[in-house]
Amino acid sequence: MGDEYSLIPKDSFVFKLPKKSPLVLRMVVLLFVMVCAVYICSICLKQIGVVPSAGFLNVEVFERPCPEPNIEPWDIPYVHYPKPKTYSREECSCNPVRNFAILSMQRSGSGWFETLLNNHTNISSNGEIFSVKDRRANVSTIFETLDKVYNLDWLSSASKNECTSAVGLKWMLNQGLMKHHEEIVEYFKTRGVSAIFLFRRNLLRRMISVLANSYDRDAKLLNGTHKSHVHSPKEAEILARYKPLINTTLLIADLKQVQEMTSKALSYFNTTRHIFLYYEDVVKNRTKLDDVQEFLKVPKLNLKSRQVKIHHGPLSQHVQNWEEVQTTLKGTGFENFLLEDYRK
C-alpha cells in the first residue's frame, strides 16, 4: 500500500506562513516601550514621594532669595538675614541686620549711650542682659543667649516696629566677658559681631559714681526706690546730695586695676571689628554718634536721650575727703583726674 492509497492530498499538510509586516512589528515595539516608560515613571514618583491627593498635585514653593547688598567684600561676614522663631519678619526679611555689642564697665555712661542708640528707629540694643548670672554661667549659656539676641528672638522694650538694621546688647567686662574672652572672640568672628568699646577717661569720676550708686542700692533715696539712672533734674539733685568717702589707701591701686582691665579687654578683642569711644568725647562732641551710626551702617539721625546726668560740676563738690584725695593723686599719673572736667 503506497501513497496511492492515501485519501488526503499531501499538499494539505503544508502550511505557508504569511509574510511578516514591518508595521505590526513596529507597533509591538512601540507598545512595549510605552508600558516600560509608564512603569519606570511610577517607580520614580513613589521614590520622590509625589502622591496625588484628591486630584491635586502638591507643589513646594521656594522663597525668592534676597538681592545681594551693595557692600564691599570684606563687609559681607557682618551682614545677616535672621529668621526669628518667635515671629515672621515678613516685609523686613530682606532687610540686612548687623550684630553689635557695647563692651563697657559699670558707671561708664553705657546706659545713657544705649538710650541714644535705641532712639534710632532701626537700632535695637537689649540692655545689660548678662547682669543675670544664670545667663553667663558657662560658655554654652552665653552662646544660647547671644543666639537669641542676634536671631531677633530676644523680645524687649528695645524691639522696633520698623525694620531692624542693627541689633545688640550692653555687656560689662566683669559679666563673663573677660573670663571666656577666647571663646567669645571666636563667636564674634564667626557670627560677624562688631564691638563698640565705651569707657570713661576720668576714672576718678567713675569711682565716685560707683560709690554713690552702691550707697543708693541700700539707702533708696528716691522715695524708697533705687534708680541707677534718672530722667528729671530733681531726681538727679537728690541723688547728688550724697558725698562718698574715698579710701585713699587703695585709691591708686583701684585706679590701676581699672586701667589694666580696660587694656586687657582691648588686647583680647583687638582682632574683632570694633570702634573705641570715650564717654567724655561723646558728651562733648555729638559727631561721635555719627561715627557710631556709620560703623553700624544705619541712616544718620539726630539721636536724643531723656536721661539726666547726676553729678555735675567740679569733683570737689561730690567727695567728702577731697583734700585727702588731692594729696594722694598729686604727682602721680592720675593727677589729671583732679582737673579734668566737662559739661553735659
C-alpha atoms as a PDB file:
ATOM      1  CA  MET A   1       0.000   0.000   0.000  1.00  0.00           C
ATOM      2  CA  GLY A   2       1.638   3.192  -1.033  1.00  0.00           C
ATOM      3  CA  ASP A   3       0.880   6.798  -1.410  1.00  0.00           C
ATOM      4  CA  GLU A   4      -1.715   5.967  -3.982  1.00  0.00           C
ATOM      5  CA  TYR A   5      -3.941   4.639  -1.250  1.00  0.00           C
ATOM      6  CA  SER A   6      -3.947   7.955   0.706  1.00  0.00           C
ATOM      7  CA  LEU A   7      -7.262   9.769   0.607  1.00  0.00           C
ATOM      8  CA  ILE A   8      -5.845  13.147   1.689  1.00  0.00           C
ATOM      9  CA  PRO A   9      -3.610  15.062  -0.658  1.00  0.00           C
ATOM     10  CA  LYS A  10      -0.042  15.539   0.519  1.00  0.00           C
ATOM     11  CA  ASP A  11      -0.172  19.217  -0.109  1.00  0.00           C
ATOM     12  CA  SER A  12      -2.862  19.571   2.570  1.00  0.00           C
ATOM     13  CA  PHE A  13      -0.238  19.205   5.372  1.00  0.00           C
ATOM     14  CA  VAL A  14       1.936  22.073   4.159  1.00  0.00           C
ATOM     15  CA  PHE A  15       1.260  25.438   5.939  1.00  0.00           C
ATOM     16  CA  LYS A  16       2.546  28.602   4.365  1.00  0.00           C
ATOM     17  CA  LEU A  17       3.186  31.436   6.889  1.00  0.00           C
ATOM     18  CA  PRO A  18       2.206  34.882   5.772  1.00  0.00           C
ATOM     19  CA  LYS A  19       4.950  37.399   5.211  1.00  0.00           C
ATOM     20  CA  LYS A  20       5.811  39.415   8.346  1.00  0.00           C
ATOM     21  CA  SER A  21       4.531  43.010   8.236  1.00  0.00           C
ATOM     22  CA  PRO A  22       7.059  45.708   9.309  1.00  0.00           C
ATOM     23  CA  LEU A  23       4.165  47.865  10.538  1.00  0.00           C
ATOM     24  CA  VAL A  24       2.963  45.239  13.003  1.00  0.00           C
ATOM     25  CA  LEU A  25       6.430  44.779  14.461  1.00  0.00           C
ATOM     26  CA  ARG A  26       6.838  48.498  14.935  1.00  0.00           C
ATOM     27  CA  MET A  27       3.535  48.712  16.765  1.00  0.00           C
ATOM     28  CA  VAL A  28       4.529  45.891  19.095  1.00  0.00           C
ATOM     29  CA  VAL A  29       7.858  47.511  19.916  1.00  0.00           C
ATOM     30  CA  LEU A  30       6.207  50.904  20.481  1.00  0.00           C
ATOM     31  CA  LEU A  31       3.631  49.370  22.811  1.00  0.00           C
ATOM     32  CA  PHE A  32       6.363  47.615  24.776  1.00  0.00           C
ATOM     33  CA  VAL A  33       8.350  50.875  25.149  1.00  0.00           C
ATOM     34  CA  MET A  34       5.247  52.748  26.360  1.00  0.00           C
ATOM     35  CA  VAL A  35       4.500  50.129  29.004  1.00  0.00           C
ATOM     36  CA  CYS A  36       8.086  50.250  30.254  1.00  0.00           C
ATOM     37  CA  ALA A  37       8.041  54.061  30.377  1.00  0.00           C
ATOM     38  CA  VAL A  38       4.844  54.120  32.419  1.00  0.00           C
ATOM     39  CA  TYR A  39       6.257  51.573  34.848  1.00  0.00           C
ATOM     40  CA  ILE A  40       9.559  53.488  35.304  1.00  0.00           C
ATOM     41  CA  CYS A  41       7.723  56.778  35.864  1.00  0.00           C
ATOM     42  CA  SER A  42       5.507  55.238  38.524  1.00  0.00           C
ATOM     43  CA  ILE A  43       8.567  53.909  40.372  1.00  0.00           C
ATOM     44  CA  CYS A  44      10.264  57.332  40.253  1.00  0.00           C
ATOM     45  CA  LEU A  45       7.167  59.113  41.543  1.00  0.00           C
ATOM     46  CA  LYS A  46       6.968  56.767  44.507  1.00  0.00           C
ATOM     47  CA  GLN A  47      10.642  57.354  45.355  1.00  0.00           C
ATOM     48  CA  ILE A  48      10.359  61.167  45.439  1.00  0.00           C
ATOM     49  CA  GLY A  49       7.150  60.964  47.395  1.00  0.00           C
ATOM     50  CA  VAL A  50       4.872  62.826  44.985  1.00  0.00           C
ATOM     51  CA  VAL A  51       1.477  61.260  45.555  1.00  0.00           C
ATOM     52  CA  PRO A  52      -1.595  62.895  44.017  1.00  0.00           C
ATOM     53  CA  SER A  53      -4.263  63.622  46.594  1.00  0.00           C
ATOM     54  CA  ALA A  54      -7.897  64.250  45.680  1.00  0.00           C
ATOM     55  CA  GLY A  55      -6.821  65.127  42.174  1.00  0.00           C
ATOM     56  CA  PHE A  56      -4.388  67.900  43.236  1.00  0.00           C
ATOM     57  CA  LEU A  57      -0.623  67.965  42.873  1.00  0.00           C
ATOM     58  CA  ASN A  58       1.320  69.291  45.860  1.00  0.00           C
ATOM     59  CA  VAL A  59       3.905  71.819  44.678  1.00  0.00           C
ATOM     60  CA  GLU A  60       6.593  73.109  47.070  1.00  0.00           C
ATOM     61  CA  VAL A  61       7.075  76.869  46.827  1.00  0.00           C
ATOM     62  CA  PHE A  62      10.617  78.146  47.338  1.00  0.00           C
ATOM     63  CA  GLU A  63      11.296  81.633  48.733  1.00  0.00           C
ATOM     64  CA  ARG A  64      12.926  84.026  46.354  1.00  0.00           C
ATOM     65  CA  PRO A  65      16.463  84.780  47.585  1.00  0.00           C
ATOM     66  CA  CYS A  66      17.181  88.296  48.815  1.00  0.00           C
ATOM     67  CA  PRO A  67      19.128  90.513  46.412  1.00  0.00           C
ATOM     68  CA  GLU A  68      22.818  90.843  47.161  1.00  0.00           C
ATOM     69  CA  PRO A  69      23.540  94.009  49.175  1.00  0.00           C
ATOM     70  CA  ASN A  70      25.811  96.571  47.581  1.00  0.00           C
ATOM     71  CA  ILE A  71      28.718  96.232  50.010  1.00  0.00           C
ATOM     72  CA  GLU A  72      32.448  95.647  49.959  1.00  0.00           C
ATOM     73  CA  PRO A  73      33.630  92.003  50.046  1.00  0.00           C
ATOM     74  CA  TRP A  74      35.251  92.455  53.480  1.00  0.00           C
ATOM     75  CA  ASP A  75      31.885  93.596  54.869  1.00  0.00           C
ATOM     76  CA  ILE A  76      29.928  90.503  53.809  1.00  0.00           C
ATOM     77  CA  PRO A  77      30.504  88.497  57.066  1.00  0.00           C
ATOM     78  CA  TYR A  78      28.841  91.298  59.063  1.00  0.00           C
ATOM     79  CA  VAL A  79      25.578  91.305  57.083  1.00  0.00           C
ATOM     80  CA  HIS A  80      22.869  88.891  58.222  1.00  0.00           C
ATOM     81  CA  TYR A  81      19.308  87.896  57.341  1.00  0.00           C
ATOM     82  CA  PRO A  82      17.949  86.397  60.590  1.00  0.00           C
ATOM     83  CA  LYS A  83      14.836  84.237  60.626  1.00  0.00           C
ATOM     84  CA  PRO A  84      13.289  84.525  64.125  1.00  0.00           C
ATOM     85  CA  LYS A  85      11.499  81.514  65.570  1.00  0.00           C
ATOM     86  CA  THR A  86       9.037  83.643  67.545  1.00  0.00           C
ATOM     87  CA  TYR A  87       7.626  85.706  64.669  1.00  0.00           C
ATOM     88  CA  SER A  88       7.917  86.374  60.941  1.00  0.00           C
ATOM     89  CA  ARG A  89       9.894  89.337  59.639  1.00  0.00           C
ATOM     90  CA  GLU A  90       7.707  89.382  56.517  1.00  0.00           C
ATOM     91  CA  GLU A  91       8.422  92.621  54.630  1.00  0.00           C
ATOM     92  CA  CYS A  92      11.677  93.031  56.602  1.00  0.00           C
ATOM     93  CA  SER A  93      13.010  89.593  55.668  1.00  0.00           C
ATOM     94  CA  CYS A  94      15.353  91.020  53.029  1.00  0.00           C
ATOM     95  CA  ASN A  95      16.447  93.936  55.207  1.00  0.00           C
ATOM     96  CA  PRO A  96      20.039  93.116  56.282  1.00  0.00           C
ATOM     97  CA  VAL A  97      20.875  93.201  60.007  1.00  0.00           C
ATOM     98  CA  ARG A  98      24.229  93.862  61.692  1.00  0.00           C
ATOM     99  CA  ASN A  99      25.189  92.434  65.082  1.00  0.00           C
ATOM    100  CA  PHE A 100      26.949  94.506  67.734  1.00  0.00           C
ATOM    101  CA  ALA A 101      27.874  94.501  71.424  1.00  0.00           C
ATOM    102  CA  ILE A 102      28.619  97.512  73.642  1.00  0.00           C
ATOM    103  CA  LEU A 103      31.594  96.465  75.775  1.00  0.00           C
ATOM    104  CA  SER A 104      31.948  98.655  78.831  1.00  0.00           C
ATOM    105  CA  MET A 105      32.181  98.918  82.622  1.00  0.00           C
ATOM    106  CA  GLN A 106      29.568  99.895  85.189  1.00  0.00           C
ATOM    107  CA  ARG A 107      29.048 103.663  85.604  1.00  0.00           C
ATOM    108  CA  SER A 108      30.862 104.494  82.374  1.00  0.00           C
ATOM    109  CA  GLY A 109      27.929 106.110  80.577  1.00  0.00           C
ATOM    110  CA  SER A 110      26.850 102.936  78.790  1.00  0.00           C
ATOM    111  CA  GLY A 111      23.233 103.272  79.956  1.00  0.00           C
ATOM    112  CA  TRP A 112      22.963 106.788  78.545  1.00  0.00           C
ATOM    113  CA  PHE A 113      24.787 105.749  75.372  1.00  0.00           C
ATOM    114  CA  GLU A 114      22.402 102.839  74.845  1.00  0.00           C
ATOM    115  CA  THR A 115      19.325 105.075  75.137  1.00  0.00           C
ATOM    116  CA  LEU A 116      20.812 107.174  72.337  1.00  0.00           C
ATOM    117  CA  LEU A 117      21.195 104.113  70.113  1.00  0.00           C
ATOM    118  CA  ASN A 118      17.667 102.949  70.897  1.00  0.00           C
ATOM    119  CA  ASN A 119      16.396 106.369  69.871  1.00  0.00           C
ATOM    120  CA  HIS A 120      17.274 105.289  66.326  1.00  0.00           C
ATOM    121  CA  THR A 121      14.322 103.730  64.503  1.00  0.00           C
ATOM    122  CA  ASN A 122      16.468 100.903  63.114  1.00  0.00           C
ATOM    123  CA  ILE A 123      18.677 100.015  66.119  1.00  0.00           C
ATOM    124  CA  SER A 124      17.724  97.644  68.935  1.00  0.00           C
ATOM    125  CA  SER A 125      20.071  97.350  71.911  1.00  0.00           C
ATOM    126  CA  ASN A 126      18.662  94.979  74.519  1.00  0.00           C
ATOM    127  CA  GLY A 127      20.303  96.206  77.707  1.00  0.00           C
ATOM    128  CA  GLU A 128      22.596  94.560  80.228  1.00  0.00           C
ATOM    129  CA  ILE A 129      21.427  91.024  79.539  1.00  0.00           C
ATOM    130  CA  PHE A 130      24.305  89.282  81.312  1.00  0.00           C
ATOM    131  CA  SER A 131      23.632  91.007  84.628  1.00  0.00           C
ATOM    132  CA  VAL A 132      21.594  87.835  85.260  1.00  0.00           C
ATOM    133  CA  LYS A 133      24.165  85.287  86.448  1.00  0.00           C
ATOM    134  CA  ASP A 134      22.419  82.214  85.007  1.00  0.00           C
ATOM    135  CA  ARG A 135      22.861  83.599  81.505  1.00  0.00           C
ATOM    136  CA  ARG A 136      26.635  83.747  81.944  1.00  0.00           C
ATOM    137  CA  ALA A 137      27.034  80.533  83.974  1.00  0.00           C
ATOM    138  CA  ASN A 138      29.191  78.983  81.236  1.00  0.00           C
ATOM    139  CA  VAL A 139      30.073  79.385  77.580  1.00  0.00           C
ATOM    140  CA  SER A 140      27.057  77.355  76.451  1.00  0.00           C
ATOM    141  CA  THR A 141      24.526  79.558  78.257  1.00  0.00           C
ATOM    142  CA  ILE A 142      26.328  82.662  76.985  1.00  0.00           C
ATOM    143  CA  PHE A 143      26.117  81.451  73.377  1.00  0.00           C
ATOM    144  CA  GLU A 144      22.467  80.415  73.753  1.00  0.00           C
ATOM    145  CA  THR A 145      21.633  83.909  74.994  1.00  0.00           C
ATOM    146  CA  LEU A 146      23.604  85.595  72.218  1.00  0.00           C
ATOM    147  CA  ASP A 147      21.947  83.390  69.588  1.00  0.00           C
ATOM    148  CA  LYS A 148      18.519  84.573  70.741  1.00  0.00           C
ATOM    149  CA  VAL A 149      19.582  88.208  70.586  1.00  0.00           C
ATOM    150  CA  TYR A 150      21.155  88.017  67.146  1.00  0.00           C
ATOM    151  CA  ASN A 151      18.344  85.878  65.750  1.00  0.00           C
ATOM    152  CA  LEU A 152      15.909  88.648  66.823  1.00  0.00           C
ATOM    153  CA  ASP A 153      14.183  86.268  69.244  1.00  0.00           C
ATOM    154  CA  TRP A 154      15.042  88.364  72.324  1.00  0.00           C
ATOM    155  CA  LEU A 155      11.942  90.490  72.836  1.00  0.00           C
ATOM    156  CA  SER A 156      12.334  93.608  74.973  1.00  0.00           C
ATOM    157  CA  SER A 157      11.352  97.263  75.073  1.00  0.00           C
ATOM    158  CA  ALA A 158      14.148  97.860  72.564  1.00  0.00           C
ATOM    159  CA  SER A 159      12.284  95.875  69.875  1.00  0.00           C
ATOM    160  CA  LYS A 160      11.287  98.087  66.964  1.00  0.00           C
ATOM    161  CA  ASN A 161       8.158  98.420  64.844  1.00  0.00           C
ATOM    162  CA  GLU A 162      10.358  99.432  61.934  1.00  0.00           C
ATOM    163  CA  CYS A 163      12.762  97.054  60.208  1.00  0.00           C
ATOM    164  CA  THR A 164      15.750  96.426  62.478  1.00  0.00           C
ATOM    165  CA  SER A 165      19.092  97.129  60.819  1.00  0.00           C
ATOM    166  CA  ALA A 166      21.360  96.664  63.867  1.00  0.00           C
ATOM    167  CA  VAL A 167      20.786  94.527  66.951  1.00  0.00           C
ATOM    168  CA  GLY A 168      22.907  94.121  70.063  1.00  0.00           C
ATOM    169  CA  LEU A 169      23.287  94.385  73.807  1.00  0.00           C
ATOM    170  CA  LYS A 170      25.269  96.038  76.575  1.00  0.00           C
ATOM    171  CA  TRP A 171      27.943  93.801  78.111  1.00  0.00           C
ATOM    172  CA  MET A 172      30.063  94.654  81.149  1.00  0.00           C
ATOM    173  CA  LEU A 173      33.627  93.331  81.300  1.00  0.00           C
ATOM    174  CA  ASN A 174      33.021  91.586  84.655  1.00  0.00           C
ATOM    175  CA  GLN A 175      29.988  89.661  83.371  1.00  0.00           C
ATOM    176  CA  GLY A 176      31.798  86.662  81.905  1.00  0.00           C
ATOM    177  CA  LEU A 177      33.290  88.647  79.049  1.00  0.00           C
ATOM    178  CA  MET A 178      36.881  88.569  80.299  1.00  0.00           C
ATOM    179  CA  LYS A 179      36.631  85.085  81.799  1.00  0.00           C
ATOM    180  CA  HIS A 180      35.599  83.495  78.492  1.00  0.00           C
ATOM    181  CA  HIS A 181      37.212  86.012  76.161  1.00  0.00           C
ATOM    182  CA  GLU A 182      38.824  83.441  73.817  1.00  0.00           C
ATOM    183  CA  GLU A 183      35.543  81.667  73.071  1.00  0.00           C
ATOM    184  CA  ILE A 184      33.635  84.941  72.803  1.00  0.00           C
ATOM    185  CA  VAL A 185      36.156  86.438  70.375  1.00  0.00           C
ATOM    186  CA  GLU A 186      35.763  83.353  68.189  1.00  0.00           C
ATOM    187  CA  TYR A 187      31.971  83.678  68.422  1.00  0.00           C
ATOM    188  CA  PHE A 188      32.167  87.349  67.393  1.00  0.00           C
ATOM    189  CA  LYS A 189      34.254  86.423  64.358  1.00  0.00           C
ATOM    190  CA  THR A 190      32.034  83.511  63.355  1.00  0.00           C
ATOM    191  CA  ARG A 191      28.751  85.401  63.806  1.00  0.00           C
ATOM    192  CA  GLY A 192      30.040  88.708  62.464  1.00  0.00           C
ATOM    193  CA  VAL A 193      29.580  90.685  65.707  1.00  0.00           C
ATOM    194  CA  SER A 194      31.081  94.185  65.859  1.00  0.00           C
ATOM    195  CA  ALA A 195      32.301  95.541  69.211  1.00  0.00           C
ATOM    196  CA  ILE A 196      31.690  99.083  70.471  1.00  0.00           C
ATOM    197  CA  PHE A 197      34.114  99.891  73.294  1.00  0.00           C
ATOM    198  CA  LEU A 198      32.866 102.615  75.618  1.00  0.00           C
ATOM    199  CA  PHE A 199      34.978 103.655  78.601  1.00  0.00           C
ATOM    200  CA  ARG A 200      35.438 106.675  80.834  1.00  0.00           C
ATOM    201  CA  ARG A 201      38.599 108.671  80.529  1.00  0.00           C
ATOM    202  CA  ASN A 202      38.294 110.123  84.047  1.00  0.00           C
ATOM    203  CA  LEU A 203      38.349 107.036  86.249  1.00  0.00           C
ATOM    204  CA  LEU A 204      38.005 109.127  89.416  1.00  0.00           C
ATOM    205  CA  ARG A 205      34.608 110.374  88.274  1.00  0.00           C
ATOM    206  CA  ARG A 206      33.627 106.802  87.533  1.00  0.00           C
ATOM    207  CA  MET A 207      34.687 105.731  91.033  1.00  0.00           C
ATOM    208  CA  ILE A 208      32.530 108.448  92.636  1.00  0.00           C
ATOM    209  CA  SER A 209      29.566 107.322  90.530  1.00  0.00           C
ATOM    210  CA  VAL A 210      30.139 103.676  91.511  1.00  0.00           C
ATOM    211  CA  LEU A 211      30.270 104.522  95.237  1.00  0.00           C
ATOM    212  CA  ALA A 212      27.186 106.748  95.075  1.00  0.00           C
ATOM    213  CA  ASN A 213      25.191 104.159  93.134  1.00  0.00           C
ATOM    214  CA  SER A 214      26.224 101.417  95.582  1.00  0.00           C
ATOM    215  CA  TYR A 215      25.089 103.565  98.509  1.00  0.00           C
ATOM    216  CA  ASP A 216      21.676 104.203  96.925  1.00  0.00           C
ATOM    217  CA  ARG A 217      21.023 100.476  96.498  1.00  0.00           C
ATOM    218  CA  ASP A 218      20.561 100.317 100.272  1.00  0.00           C
ATOM    219  CA  ALA A 219      19.508 103.910 101.055  1.00  0.00           C
ATOM    220  CA  LYS A 220      16.938 104.170  98.206  1.00  0.00           C
ATOM    221  CA  LEU A 221      16.912 107.952  98.336  1.00  0.00           C
ATOM    222  CA  LEU A 222      14.119 108.407  95.768  1.00  0.00           C
ATOM    223  CA  ASN A 223      11.011 107.605  97.818  1.00  0.00           C
ATOM    224  CA  GLY A 224      12.308 104.178  98.798  1.00  0.00           C
ATOM    225  CA  THR A 225      13.273 103.257  95.225  1.00  0.00           C
ATOM    226  CA  HIS A 226      16.761 102.632  93.872  1.00  0.00           C
ATOM    227  CA  LYS A 227      17.475 104.183  90.485  1.00  0.00           C
ATOM    228  CA  SER A 228      20.744 103.853  88.619  1.00  0.00           C
ATOM    229  CA  HIS A 229      19.588 106.383  86.026  1.00  0.00           C
ATOM    230  CA  VAL A 230      17.144 109.278  86.319  1.00  0.00           C
ATOM    231  CA  HIS A 231      15.059 111.351  83.922  1.00  0.00           C
ATOM    232  CA  SER A 232      14.478 114.569  85.858  1.00  0.00           C
ATOM    233  CA  PRO A 233      16.799 117.275  87.284  1.00  0.00           C
ATOM    234  CA  LYS A 234      15.036 116.976  90.657  1.00  0.00           C
ATOM    235  CA  GLU A 235      15.855 113.284  90.978  1.00  0.00           C
ATOM    236  CA  ALA A 236      19.445 113.940  89.915  1.00  0.00           C
ATOM    237  CA  GLU A 237      19.761 116.657  92.562  1.00  0.00           C
ATOM    238  CA  ILE A 238      18.517 114.330  95.317  1.00  0.00           C
ATOM    239  CA  LEU A 239      20.987 111.563  94.395  1.00  0.00           C
ATOM    240  CA  ALA A 240      23.882 114.019  94.058  1.00  0.00           C
ATOM    241  CA  ARG A 241      23.478 115.152  97.691  1.00  0.00           C
ATOM    242  CA  TYR A 242      25.274 112.055  98.891  1.00  0.00           C
ATOM    243  CA  LYS A 243      29.058 112.523  99.008  1.00  0.00           C
ATOM    244  CA  PRO A 244      31.063 109.300  99.236  1.00  0.00           C
ATOM    245  CA  LEU A 245      34.191 108.886 101.343  1.00  0.00           C
ATOM    246  CA  ILE A 246      37.016 107.557  99.163  1.00  0.00           C
ATOM    247  CA  ASN A 247      39.523 105.107 100.625  1.00  0.00           C
ATOM    248  CA  THR A 248      42.748 106.895  99.673  1.00  0.00           C
ATOM    249  CA  THR A 249      44.877 103.961 100.842  1.00  0.00           C
ATOM    250  CA  LEU A 250      43.514 101.821  97.996  1.00  0.00           C
ATOM    251  CA  LEU A 251      42.773 104.661  95.566  1.00  0.00           C
ATOM    252  CA  ILE A 252      45.808 104.357  93.284  1.00  0.00           C
ATOM    253  CA  ALA A 253      45.683 100.556  93.286  1.00  0.00           C
ATOM    254  CA  ASP A 254      41.986 100.636  92.375  1.00  0.00           C
ATOM    255  CA  LEU A 255      42.554 103.084  89.523  1.00  0.00           C
ATOM    256  CA  LYS A 256      45.407 100.957  88.185  1.00  0.00           C
ATOM    257  CA  GLN A 257      43.237  97.850  88.308  1.00  0.00           C
ATOM    258  CA  VAL A 258      40.556  99.513  86.174  1.00  0.00           C
ATOM    259  CA  GLN A 259      43.171 100.706  83.693  1.00  0.00           C
ATOM    260  CA  GLU A 260      44.644  97.228  83.408  1.00  0.00           C
ATOM    261  CA  MET A 261      41.252  95.624  82.833  1.00  0.00           C
ATOM    262  CA  THR A 262      40.484  98.121  80.084  1.00  0.00           C
ATOM    263  CA  SER A 263      43.844  97.432  78.402  1.00  0.00           C
ATOM    264  CA  LYS A 264      43.306  93.679  78.593  1.00  0.00           C
ATOM    265  CA  ALA A 265      39.848  93.954  77.054  1.00  0.00           C
ATOM    266  CA  LEU A 266      41.238  95.949  74.145  1.00  0.00           C
ATOM    267  CA  SER A 267      44.030  93.433  73.573  1.00  0.00           C
ATOM    268  CA  TYR A 268      41.674  90.441  73.821  1.00  0.00           C
ATOM    269  CA  PHE A 269      39.179  91.833  71.282  1.00  0.00           C
ATOM    270  CA  ASN A 270      41.657  93.653  69.071  1.00  0.00           C
ATOM    271  CA  THR A 271      41.185  91.159  66.232  1.00  0.00           C
ATOM    272  CA  THR A 272      37.430  91.788  66.045  1.00  0.00           C
ATOM    273  CA  ARG A 273      35.799  94.585  64.070  1.00  0.00           C
ATOM    274  CA  HIS A 274      35.466  97.374  66.640  1.00  0.00           C
ATOM    275  CA  ILE A 275      35.255 101.068  67.407  1.00  0.00           C
ATOM    276  CA  PHE A 276      36.620 102.752  70.553  1.00  0.00           C
ATOM    277  CA  LEU A 277      34.884 105.634  72.332  1.00  0.00           C
ATOM    278  CA  TYR A 278      35.400 107.657  75.480  1.00  0.00           C
ATOM    279  CA  TYR A 279      32.218 108.727  77.244  1.00  0.00           C
ATOM    280  CA  GLU A 280      33.579 112.259  77.682  1.00  0.00           C
ATOM    281  CA  ASP A 281      34.174 112.605  73.933  1.00  0.00           C
ATOM    282  CA  VAL A 282      30.605 111.575  73.120  1.00  0.00           C
ATOM    283  CA  VAL A 283      29.320 114.149  75.638  1.00  0.00           C
ATOM    284  CA  LYS A 284      31.424 116.970  74.218  1.00  0.00           C
ATOM    285  CA  ASN A 285      31.187 116.103  70.541  1.00  0.00           C
ATOM    286  CA  ARG A 286      27.958 114.590  69.259  1.00  0.00           C
ATOM    287  CA  THR A 287      29.548 113.921  65.872  1.00  0.00           C
ATOM    288  CA  LYS A 288      30.917 110.819  67.613  1.00  0.00           C
ATOM    289  CA  LEU A 289      27.389 109.447  67.341  1.00  0.00           C
ATOM    290  CA  ASP A 290      27.603 109.931  63.572  1.00  0.00           C
ATOM    291  CA  ASP A 291      30.728 107.769  63.649  1.00  0.00           C
ATOM    292  CA  VAL A 292      28.832 105.056  65.513  1.00  0.00           C
ATOM    293  CA  GLN A 293      25.925 105.160  63.058  1.00  0.00           C
ATOM    294  CA  GLU A 294      28.371 104.919  60.185  1.00  0.00           C
ATOM    295  CA  PHE A 295      30.048 101.995  61.954  1.00  0.00           C
ATOM    296  CA  LEU A 296      26.676 100.209  62.188  1.00  0.00           C
ATOM    297  CA  LYS A 297      25.767 101.196  58.612  1.00  0.00           C
ATOM    298  CA  VAL A 298      22.442 102.782  59.555  1.00  0.00           C
ATOM    299  CA  PRO A 299      20.971 106.105  58.345  1.00  0.00           C
ATOM    300  CA  LYS A 300      22.354 109.058  60.310  1.00  0.00           C
ATOM    301  CA  LEU A 301      19.769 110.580  62.655  1.00  0.00           C
ATOM    302  CA  ASN A 302      19.855 113.177  65.424  1.00  0.00           C
ATOM    303  CA  LEU A 303      19.832 110.872  68.464  1.00  0.00           C
ATOM    304  CA  LYS A 304      18.458 112.015  71.815  1.00  0.00           C
ATOM    305  CA  SER A 305      18.162 110.671  75.363  1.00  0.00           C
ATOM    306  CA  ARG A 306      15.851 111.519  78.248  1.00  0.00           C
ATOM    307  CA  GLN A 307      18.445 110.580  80.855  1.00  0.00           C
ATOM    308  CA  VAL A 308      19.738 113.343  83.134  1.00  0.00           C
ATOM    309  CA  LYS A 309      23.304 113.453  84.438  1.00  0.00           C
ATOM    310  CA  ILE A 310      23.566 113.092  88.243  1.00  0.00           C
ATOM    311  CA  HIS A 311      26.969 114.530  89.182  1.00  0.00           C
ATOM    312  CA  HIS A 312      27.563 117.975  87.678  1.00  0.00           C
ATOM    313  CA  GLY A 313      30.373 120.434  88.237  1.00  0.00           C
ATOM    314  CA  PRO A 314      33.789 120.042  89.906  1.00  0.00           C
ATOM    315  CA  LEU A 315      34.565 116.759  91.633  1.00  0.00           C
ATOM    316  CA  SER A 316      35.370 118.631  94.850  1.00  0.00           C
ATOM    317  CA  GLN A 317      31.610 119.089  95.311  1.00  0.00           C
ATOM    318  CA  HIS A 318      30.942 115.355  95.301  1.00  0.00           C
ATOM    319  CA  VAL A 319      33.583 113.888  97.667  1.00  0.00           C
ATOM    320  CA  GLN A 320      33.735 114.125 101.469  1.00  0.00           C
ATOM    321  CA  ASN A 321      37.536 113.876 101.789  1.00  0.00           C
ATOM    322  CA  TRP A 322      38.504 115.858  98.713  1.00  0.00           C
ATOM    323  CA  GLU A 323      41.699 117.330 100.164  1.00  0.00           C
ATOM    324  CA  GLU A 324      42.936 113.866 101.083  1.00  0.00           C
ATOM    325  CA  VAL A 325      42.175 112.638  97.564  1.00  0.00           C
ATOM    326  CA  GLN A 326      44.093 115.578  96.084  1.00  0.00           C
ATOM    327  CA  THR A 327      47.128 114.842  98.221  1.00  0.00           C
ATOM    328  CA  THR A 328      47.085 111.173  97.225  1.00  0.00           C
ATOM    329  CA  LEU A 329      46.905 111.783  93.469  1.00  0.00           C
ATOM    330  CA  LYS A 330      49.190 114.779  93.080  1.00  0.00           C
ATOM    331  CA  GLY A 331      52.455 113.892  91.447  1.00  0.00           C
ATOM    332  CA  THR A 332      51.087 110.599  90.069  1.00  0.00           C
ATOM    333  CA  GLY A 333      49.891 109.590  86.616  1.00  0.00           C
ATOM    334  CA  PHE A 334      46.346 110.136  87.827  1.00  0.00           C
ATOM    335  CA  GLU A 335      46.739 113.795  88.809  1.00  0.00           C
ATOM    336  CA  ASN A 336      44.913 114.954  85.679  1.00  0.00           C
ATOM    337  CA  PHE A 337      41.726 113.321  87.022  1.00  0.00           C
ATOM    338  CA  LEU A 338      41.594 116.096  89.638  1.00  0.00           C
ATOM    339  CA  LEU A 339      41.406 118.812  86.992  1.00  0.00           C
ATOM    340  CA  GLU A 340      39.628 117.271  84.040  1.00  0.00           C
ATOM    341  CA  ASP A 341      36.032 118.388  83.684  1.00  0.00           C
ATOM    342  CA  TYR A 342      33.370 118.608  81.047  1.00  0.00           C
ATOM    343  CA  ARG A 343      29.790 119.684  80.621  1.00  0.00           C
ATOM    344  CA  LYS A 344      26.692 117.907  79.553  1.00  0.00           C
END
